[in-house]
């Protein structure tokens, strides 16, 4: 597994050549394509032609869908946070750094080595196979956008599925010989199951990511004061 990075943008963009990660990212793309296609073909467009859905709602749904897939690609191609070389570090920053035997460079205490990305990542949260990339200091905010847009898209899709099953009347203008109409029941069962599952998972992922960000912010806020207090009291700093 190797990493391809543009020489002029080595700190901004990279791609991880990992078979499992590429396969997972491909599944995400296929899910997005199927989700948009099925909801648009079976629910949104037929109900729009019959006057049940407005053009404004279609624009909102498509906007959230495109923001979701754009955020996925941004988080997948953005460098999660490359640890700088010693000559790039500011004086005094490496006093408490550790040494990575794989990268053969010093790193901050909260940096960890990722064997898939083949680099140490600053403030590494985890390696996410679904974006084929680590979540670190440089791309965590983009990953949070992915979770939010994925939840919003899945929630809207699930809501439309419920409206299709229980509220909207049967389509009168649809072509009964089309593939979508002939396999409508199976396609909608799959869309309902996938959208409900994704909405449930993304909701808790959004909550967990915001909780992690909140704890890190609190830790960064109180660390300087705890350092002075630990020096004054002669006790180790819990942060």
C-alpha atoms as a PDB file:
ATOM      1  CA  UNK A   1       0.000   0.000   0.000  1.00  0.00           C
ATOM      2  CA  UNK A   2       1.417   3.320  -1.014  1.00  0.00           C
ATOM      3  CA  UNK A   3       0.354   6.920  -0.992  1.00  0.00           C
ATOM      4  CA  UNK A   4       0.185   9.100  -4.093  1.00  0.00           C
ATOM      5  CA  UNK A   5       0.593  12.797  -3.418  1.00  0.00           C
ATOM      6  CA  UNK A   6       1.033  15.761  -5.715  1.00  0.00           C
ATOM      7  CA  UNK A   7       4.476  17.238  -5.175  1.00  0.00           C
ATOM      8  CA  UNK A   8       3.237  20.801  -5.225  1.00  0.00           C
ATOM      9  CA  UNK A   9       0.375  20.052  -2.857  1.00  0.00           C
ATOM     10  CA  UNK A  10       1.840  17.326  -0.652  1.00  0.00           C
ATOM     11  CA  UNK A  11       0.381  18.832   2.474  1.00  0.00           C
ATOM     12  CA  UNK A  12      -3.076  19.364   1.000  1.00  0.00           C
ATOM     13  CA  UNK A  13      -4.058  16.279  -0.993  1.00  0.00           C
ATOM     14  CA  UNK A  14      -3.228  12.596  -1.152  1.00  0.00           C
ATOM     15  CA  UNK A  15      -4.743   9.280  -2.159  1.00  0.00           C
ATOM     16  CA  UNK A  16      -4.243   6.006  -0.304  1.00  0.00           C
ATOM     17  CA  UNK A  17      -3.755   2.977  -2.545  1.00  0.00           C
ATOM     18  CA  UNK A  18      -5.446   0.467  -0.268  1.00  0.00           C
ATOM     19  CA  UNK A  19      -7.603  -2.232  -1.883  1.00  0.00           C
ATOM     20  CA  UNK A  20     -10.027  -2.470   1.027  1.00  0.00           C
ATOM     21  CA  UNK A  21     -10.370   1.304   1.298  1.00  0.00           C
ATOM     22  CA  UNK A  22     -10.878   1.771  -2.442  1.00  0.00           C
ATOM     23  CA  UNK A  23     -13.554  -0.956  -2.394  1.00  0.00           C
ATOM     24  CA  UNK A  24     -15.313   0.689   0.572  1.00  0.00           C
ATOM     25  CA  UNK A  25     -15.193   4.097  -1.110  1.00  0.00           C
ATOM     26  CA  UNK A  26     -16.617   2.537  -4.278  1.00  0.00           C
ATOM     27  CA  UNK A  27     -19.504   1.077  -2.253  1.00  0.00           C
ATOM     28  CA  UNK A  28     -20.225   4.551  -0.863  1.00  0.00           C
ATOM     29  CA  UNK A  29     -20.346   5.945  -4.403  1.00  0.00           C
ATOM     30  CA  UNK A  30     -22.646   3.171  -5.602  1.00  0.00           C
ATOM     31  CA  UNK A  31     -24.924   3.693  -2.609  1.00  0.00           C
ATOM     32  CA  UNK A  32     -25.110   7.427  -3.340  1.00  0.00           C
ATOM     33  CA  UNK A  33     -25.900   6.809  -7.029  1.00  0.00           C
ATOM     34  CA  UNK A  34     -28.583   4.239  -6.214  1.00  0.00           C
ATOM     35  CA  UNK A  35     -30.097   6.365  -3.454  1.00  0.00           C
ATOM     36  CA  UNK A  36     -30.419   9.471  -5.614  1.00  0.00           C
ATOM     37  CA  UNK A  37     -31.623   7.536  -8.652  1.00  0.00           C
ATOM     38  CA  UNK A  38     -34.257   5.472  -6.833  1.00  0.00           C
ATOM     39  CA  UNK A  39     -35.721   8.350  -4.825  1.00  0.00           C
ATOM     40  CA  UNK A  40     -35.770  10.694  -7.811  1.00  0.00           C
ATOM     41  CA  UNK A  41     -37.243   8.108 -10.221  1.00  0.00           C
ATOM     42  CA  UNK A  42     -39.832   6.490  -7.943  1.00  0.00           C
ATOM     43  CA  UNK A  43     -40.890   9.247  -5.548  1.00  0.00           C
ATOM     44  CA  UNK A  44     -39.778  12.784  -6.330  1.00  0.00           C
ATOM     45  CA  UNK A  45     -40.275  13.200 -10.097  1.00  0.00           C
ATOM     46  CA  UNK A  46     -43.634  11.353 -10.359  1.00  0.00           C
ATOM     47  CA  UNK A  47     -44.991  13.294  -7.372  1.00  0.00           C
ATOM     48  CA  UNK A  48     -43.670  16.549  -8.822  1.00  0.00           C
ATOM     49  CA  UNK A  49     -45.506  15.966 -12.111  1.00  0.00           C
ATOM     50  CA  UNK A  50     -48.699  15.262 -10.154  1.00  0.00           C
ATOM     51  CA  UNK A  51     -48.298  18.374  -7.987  1.00  0.00           C
ATOM     52  CA  UNK A  52     -47.449  16.756  -4.639  1.00  0.00           C
ATOM     53  CA  UNK A  53     -43.815  17.992  -4.455  1.00  0.00           C
ATOM     54  CA  UNK A  54     -42.552  21.486  -5.253  1.00  0.00           C
ATOM     55  CA  UNK A  55     -39.491  22.422  -7.277  1.00  0.00           C
ATOM     56  CA  UNK A  56     -38.026  24.081  -4.177  1.00  0.00           C
ATOM     57  CA  UNK A  57     -37.990  20.760  -2.327  1.00  0.00           C
ATOM     58  CA  UNK A  58     -36.291  19.079  -5.285  1.00  0.00           C
ATOM     59  CA  UNK A  59     -33.584  21.754  -5.286  1.00  0.00           C
ATOM     60  CA  UNK A  60     -33.000  21.295  -1.535  1.00  0.00           C
ATOM     61  CA  UNK A  61     -32.768  17.507  -1.869  1.00  0.00           C
ATOM     62  CA  UNK A  62     -30.341  17.677  -4.795  1.00  0.00           C
ATOM     63  CA  UNK A  63     -28.251  20.350  -3.062  1.00  0.00           C
ATOM     64  CA  UNK A  64     -27.855  18.200   0.059  1.00  0.00           C
ATOM     65  CA  UNK A  65     -27.094  15.142  -2.092  1.00  0.00           C
ATOM     66  CA  UNK A  66     -24.333  16.883  -4.064  1.00  0.00           C
ATOM     67  CA  UNK A  67     -22.872  18.493  -0.933  1.00  0.00           C
ATOM     68  CA  UNK A  68     -22.746  15.012   0.596  1.00  0.00           C
ATOM     69  CA  UNK A  69     -20.783  13.382  -2.237  1.00  0.00           C
ATOM     70  CA  UNK A  70     -18.511  16.433  -2.624  1.00  0.00           C
ATOM     71  CA  UNK A  71     -17.692  16.275   1.098  1.00  0.00           C
ATOM     72  CA  UNK A  72     -16.935  12.555   0.764  1.00  0.00           C
ATOM     73  CA  UNK A  73     -14.386  13.227  -1.986  1.00  0.00           C
ATOM     74  CA  UNK A  74     -12.890  16.174  -0.118  1.00  0.00           C
ATOM     75  CA  UNK A  75     -12.373  14.122   3.028  1.00  0.00           C
ATOM     76  CA  UNK A  76     -11.011  11.217   0.974  1.00  0.00           C
ATOM     77  CA  UNK A  77      -8.456  13.310  -0.931  1.00  0.00           C
ATOM     78  CA  UNK A  78      -7.431  15.752   1.796  1.00  0.00           C
ATOM     79  CA  UNK A  79      -4.259  15.067   3.747  1.00  0.00           C
ATOM     80  CA  UNK A  80      -5.415  14.362   7.330  1.00  0.00           C
ATOM     81  CA  UNK A  81      -2.393  16.102   8.859  1.00  0.00           C
ATOM     82  CA  UNK A  82       1.201  15.298   7.997  1.00  0.00           C
ATOM     83  CA  UNK A  83       3.654  15.614  10.866  1.00  0.00           C
ATOM     84  CA  UNK A  84       6.265  18.239   9.850  1.00  0.00           C
ATOM     85  CA  UNK A  85       9.950  17.473   9.657  1.00  0.00           C
ATOM     86  CA  UNK A  86      12.156  18.660  12.499  1.00  0.00           C
ATOM     87  CA  UNK A  87      13.440  21.616  10.478  1.00  0.00           C
ATOM     88  CA  UNK A  88       9.831  22.607   9.783  1.00  0.00           C
ATOM     89  CA  UNK A  89       8.790  22.575  13.436  1.00  0.00           C
ATOM     90  CA  UNK A  90       8.828  25.774  15.430  1.00  0.00           C
ATOM     91  CA  UNK A  91      11.423  26.085  18.202  1.00  0.00           C
ATOM     92  CA  UNK A  92      10.188  24.647  21.473  1.00  0.00           C
ATOM     93  CA  UNK A  93       7.344  22.653  19.877  1.00  0.00           C
ATOM     94  CA  UNK A  94       9.152  19.315  20.008  1.00  0.00           C
ATOM     95  CA  UNK A  95      10.034  19.243  23.700  1.00  0.00           C
ATOM     96  CA  UNK A  96       7.482  16.551  24.514  1.00  0.00           C
ATOM     97  CA  UNK A  97       7.465  14.816  21.135  1.00  0.00           C
ATOM     98  CA  UNK A  98       7.903  11.080  20.701  1.00  0.00           C
ATOM     99  CA  UNK A  99       9.798   9.210  17.985  1.00  0.00           C
ATOM    100  CA  UNK A 100       8.108   7.112  15.298  1.00  0.00           C
ATOM    101  CA  UNK A 101      10.296   4.173  14.281  1.00  0.00           C
ATOM    102  CA  UNK A 102       8.370   3.728  11.017  1.00  0.00           C
ATOM    103  CA  UNK A 103       8.442   7.335   9.766  1.00  0.00           C
ATOM    104  CA  UNK A 104      11.798   7.940  11.480  1.00  0.00           C
ATOM    105  CA  UNK A 105      10.781  11.371  12.643  1.00  0.00           C
ATOM    106  CA  UNK A 106       9.612  12.965  15.856  1.00  0.00           C
ATOM    107  CA  UNK A 107       5.902  13.600  16.363  1.00  0.00           C
ATOM    108  CA  UNK A 108       3.607  15.312  18.889  1.00  0.00           C
ATOM    109  CA  UNK A 109       2.110  13.233  21.673  1.00  0.00           C
ATOM    110  CA  UNK A 110      -1.325  13.042  20.042  1.00  0.00           C
ATOM    111  CA  UNK A 111      -0.005  12.003  16.625  1.00  0.00           C
ATOM    112  CA  UNK A 112      -0.300   8.343  15.660  1.00  0.00           C
ATOM    113  CA  UNK A 113       1.089   6.292  12.805  1.00  0.00           C
ATOM    114  CA  UNK A 114      -1.381   4.861  10.291  1.00  0.00           C
ATOM    115  CA  UNK A 115      -0.132   1.798   8.434  1.00  0.00           C
ATOM    116  CA  UNK A 116      -2.643   2.346   5.612  1.00  0.00           C
ATOM    117  CA  UNK A 117      -1.812   6.009   5.048  1.00  0.00           C
ATOM    118  CA  UNK A 118       1.867   5.232   5.753  1.00  0.00           C
ATOM    119  CA  UNK A 119       2.387   8.411   7.738  1.00  0.00           C
ATOM    120  CA  UNK A 120       1.946   9.822  11.218  1.00  0.00           C
ATOM    121  CA  UNK A 121      -1.260  11.838  11.460  1.00  0.00           C
ATOM    122  CA  UNK A 122      -1.632  14.888  13.694  1.00  0.00           C
ATOM    123  CA  UNK A 123      -4.429  14.416  16.264  1.00  0.00           C
ATOM    124  CA  UNK A 124      -5.501  11.202  14.565  1.00  0.00           C
ATOM    125  CA  UNK A 125      -9.073  10.242  15.405  1.00  0.00           C
ATOM    126  CA  UNK A 126      -9.341   7.019  13.385  1.00  0.00           C
ATOM    127  CA  UNK A 127      -8.834   5.573   9.919  1.00  0.00           C
ATOM    128  CA  UNK A 128     -12.191   5.467   8.143  1.00  0.00           C
ATOM    129  CA  UNK A 129     -12.345   2.840   5.370  1.00  0.00           C
ATOM    130  CA  UNK A 130     -15.483   4.436   3.884  1.00  0.00           C
ATOM    131  CA  UNK A 131     -13.501   7.515   2.845  1.00  0.00           C
ATOM    132  CA  UNK A 132     -10.248   5.539   2.430  1.00  0.00           C
ATOM    133  CA  UNK A 133      -8.433   8.032   4.615  1.00  0.00           C
ATOM    134  CA  UNK A 134      -7.607   8.940   8.181  1.00  0.00           C
ATOM    135  CA  UNK A 135      -9.575  11.502  10.139  1.00  0.00           C
ATOM    136  CA  UNK A 136      -7.084  13.902  11.664  1.00  0.00           C
ATOM    137  CA  UNK A 137      -6.418  17.527  12.457  1.00  0.00           C
ATOM    138  CA  UNK A 138      -6.525  18.770   8.861  1.00  0.00           C
ATOM    139  CA  UNK A 139      -9.697  17.054   7.629  1.00  0.00           C
ATOM    140  CA  UNK A 140     -11.835  16.396  10.697  1.00  0.00           C
ATOM    141  CA  UNK A 141     -14.092  19.367   9.964  1.00  0.00           C
ATOM    142  CA  UNK A 142     -14.704  18.024   6.449  1.00  0.00           C
ATOM    143  CA  UNK A 143     -15.496  14.585   7.882  1.00  0.00           C
ATOM    144  CA  UNK A 144     -18.037  16.229  10.180  1.00  0.00           C
ATOM    145  CA  UNK A 145     -19.666  17.748   7.099  1.00  0.00           C
ATOM    146  CA  UNK A 146     -19.787  14.276   5.544  1.00  0.00           C
ATOM    147  CA  UNK A 147     -21.617  12.851   8.542  1.00  0.00           C
ATOM    148  CA  UNK A 148     -24.069  15.769   8.668  1.00  0.00           C
ATOM    149  CA  UNK A 149     -24.900  15.779   4.950  1.00  0.00           C
ATOM    150  CA  UNK A 150     -25.135  11.968   4.911  1.00  0.00           C
ATOM    151  CA  UNK A 151     -27.589  12.120   7.802  1.00  0.00           C
ATOM    152  CA  UNK A 152     -29.634  14.894   6.173  1.00  0.00           C
ATOM    153  CA  UNK A 153     -29.772  13.060   2.837  1.00  0.00           C
ATOM    154  CA  UNK A 154     -30.697   9.729   4.465  1.00  0.00           C
ATOM    155  CA  UNK A 155     -33.323  11.349   6.680  1.00  0.00           C
ATOM    156  CA  UNK A 156     -34.989  13.083   3.725  1.00  0.00           C
ATOM    157  CA  UNK A 157     -34.868   9.853   1.718  1.00  0.00           C
ATOM    158  CA  UNK A 158     -36.446   7.887   4.556  1.00  0.00           C
ATOM    159  CA  UNK A 159     -39.128  10.568   4.977  1.00  0.00           C
ATOM    160  CA  UNK A 160     -39.925  10.397   1.259  1.00  0.00           C
ATOM    161  CA  UNK A 161     -40.125   6.605   1.482  1.00  0.00           C
ATOM    162  CA  UNK A 162     -42.671   6.881   4.304  1.00  0.00           C
ATOM    163  CA  UNK A 163     -44.694   9.398   2.307  1.00  0.00           C
ATOM    164  CA  UNK A 164     -44.588   7.062  -0.678  1.00  0.00           C
ATOM    165  CA  UNK A 165     -45.831   4.087   1.360  1.00  0.00           C
ATOM    166  CA  UNK A 166     -48.479   5.761   3.516  1.00  0.00           C
ATOM    167  CA  UNK A 167     -49.441   9.232   2.203  1.00  0.00           C
ATOM    168  CA  UNK A 168     -49.057   9.715  -1.535  1.00  0.00           C
ATOM    169  CA  UNK A 169     -51.680   8.139  -3.800  1.00  0.00           C
ATOM    170  CA  UNK A 170     -50.654   5.649  -6.437  1.00  0.00           C
ATOM    171  CA  UNK A 171     -48.970   7.280  -9.406  1.00  0.00           C
ATOM    172  CA  UNK A 172     -51.431   7.845 -12.264  1.00  0.00           C
ATOM    173  CA  UNK A 173     -49.044   9.276 -14.854  1.00  0.00           C
ATOM    174  CA  UNK A 174     -46.298   6.619 -14.553  1.00  0.00           C
ATOM    175  CA  UNK A 175     -45.514   4.261 -17.413  1.00  0.00           C
ATOM    176  CA  UNK A 176     -46.683   0.848 -16.255  1.00  0.00           C
ATOM    177  CA  UNK A 177     -44.252  -0.885 -18.621  1.00  0.00           C
ATOM    178  CA  UNK A 178     -41.139   0.912 -17.340  1.00  0.00           C
ATOM    179  CA  UNK A 179     -38.490  -0.888 -15.321  1.00  0.00           C
ATOM    180  CA  UNK A 180     -38.994   1.403 -12.324  1.00  0.00           C
ATOM    181  CA  UNK A 181     -42.732   0.762 -12.087  1.00  0.00           C
ATOM    182  CA  UNK A 182     -42.429  -2.991 -12.626  1.00  0.00           C
ATOM    183  CA  UNK A 183     -39.857  -3.317  -9.817  1.00  0.00           C
ATOM    184  CA  UNK A 184     -41.152  -0.486  -7.667  1.00  0.00           C
ATOM    185  CA  UNK A 185     -41.910  -2.616  -4.613  1.00  0.00           C
ATOM    186  CA  UNK A 186     -38.475  -4.213  -4.414  1.00  0.00           C
ATOM    187  CA  UNK A 187     -36.629  -0.983  -5.138  1.00  0.00           C
ATOM    188  CA  UNK A 188     -38.586   0.922  -2.504  1.00  0.00           C
ATOM    189  CA  UNK A 189     -38.096  -1.800   0.111  1.00  0.00           C
ATOM    190  CA  UNK A 190     -34.341  -1.571  -0.467  1.00  0.00           C
ATOM    191  CA  UNK A 191     -34.380   2.235  -0.406  1.00  0.00           C
ATOM    192  CA  UNK A 192     -36.434   2.310   2.793  1.00  0.00           C
ATOM    193  CA  UNK A 193     -34.121  -0.135   4.557  1.00  0.00           C
ATOM    194  CA  UNK A 194     -30.917   1.586   3.444  1.00  0.00           C
ATOM    195  CA  UNK A 195     -32.103   5.113   4.188  1.00  0.00           C
ATOM    196  CA  UNK A 196     -33.420   4.214   7.655  1.00  0.00           C
ATOM    197  CA  UNK A 197     -30.212   2.376   8.540  1.00  0.00           C
ATOM    198  CA  UNK A 198     -27.984   5.196   7.292  1.00  0.00           C
ATOM    199  CA  UNK A 199     -30.052   7.880   9.028  1.00  0.00           C
ATOM    200  CA  UNK A 200     -29.796   5.982  12.316  1.00  0.00           C
ATOM    201  CA  UNK A 201     -26.029   5.407  12.021  1.00  0.00           C
ATOM    202  CA  UNK A 202     -25.202   8.917  10.804  1.00  0.00           C
ATOM    203  CA  UNK A 203     -27.208  10.502  13.615  1.00  0.00           C
ATOM    204  CA  UNK A 204     -25.077   8.844  16.285  1.00  0.00           C
ATOM    205  CA  UNK A 205     -21.903   9.502  14.278  1.00  0.00           C
ATOM    206  CA  UNK A 206     -22.718  13.220  14.103  1.00  0.00           C
ATOM    207  CA  UNK A 207     -23.296  13.284  17.856  1.00  0.00           C
ATOM    208  CA  UNK A 208     -20.038  11.419  18.578  1.00  0.00           C
ATOM    209  CA  UNK A 209     -17.966  13.651  16.304  1.00  0.00           C
ATOM    210  CA  UNK A 210     -19.332  16.823  17.917  1.00  0.00           C
ATOM    211  CA  UNK A 211     -18.714  15.329  21.356  1.00  0.00           C
ATOM    212  CA  UNK A 212     -15.095  14.548  20.408  1.00  0.00           C
ATOM    213  CA  UNK A 213     -14.621  18.074  19.093  1.00  0.00           C
ATOM    214  CA  UNK A 214     -16.080  19.518  22.278  1.00  0.00           C
ATOM    215  CA  UNK A 215     -13.796  17.468  24.526  1.00  0.00           C
ATOM    216  CA  UNK A 216     -10.722  18.423  22.467  1.00  0.00           C
ATOM    217  CA  UNK A 217     -11.690  22.103  22.636  1.00  0.00           C
ATOM    218  CA  UNK A 218     -12.127  21.927  26.406  1.00  0.00           C
ATOM    219  CA  UNK A 219      -8.811  20.125  26.731  1.00  0.00           C
ATOM    220  CA  UNK A 220      -7.007  22.765  24.659  1.00  0.00           C
ATOM    221  CA  UNK A 221      -8.651  25.526  26.695  1.00  0.00           C
ATOM    222  CA  UNK A 222      -7.611  24.188  30.094  1.00  0.00           C
ATOM    223  CA  UNK A 223      -4.208  22.670  29.206  1.00  0.00           C
ATOM    224  CA  UNK A 224      -2.157  25.901  29.710  1.00  0.00           C
ATOM    225  CA  UNK A 225      -3.739  26.543  33.104  1.00  0.00           C
ATOM    226  CA  UNK A 226      -3.214  22.936  34.171  1.00  0.00           C
ATOM    227  CA  UNK A 227       0.435  23.133  33.125  1.00  0.00           C
ATOM    228  CA  UNK A 228       1.035  26.159  35.351  1.00  0.00           C
ATOM    229  CA  UNK A 229      -0.905  24.550  38.198  1.00  0.00           C
ATOM    230  CA  UNK A 230       1.026  21.265  37.932  1.00  0.00           C
ATOM    231  CA  UNK A 231       4.336  23.129  37.992  1.00  0.00           C
ATOM    232  CA  UNK A 232       3.223  25.142  41.013  1.00  0.00           C
ATOM    233  CA  UNK A 233       1.973  22.092  42.919  1.00  0.00           C
ATOM    234  CA  UNK A 234       4.660  19.714  41.654  1.00  0.00           C
ATOM    235  CA  UNK A 235       2.062  17.200  40.425  1.00  0.00           C
ATOM    236  CA  UNK A 236       1.667  15.615  36.976  1.00  0.00           C
ATOM    237  CA  UNK A 237      -0.705  17.299  34.513  1.00  0.00           C
ATOM    238  CA  UNK A 238      -3.801  15.199  33.862  1.00  0.00           C
ATOM    239  CA  UNK A 239      -4.241  16.840  30.437  1.00  0.00           C
END
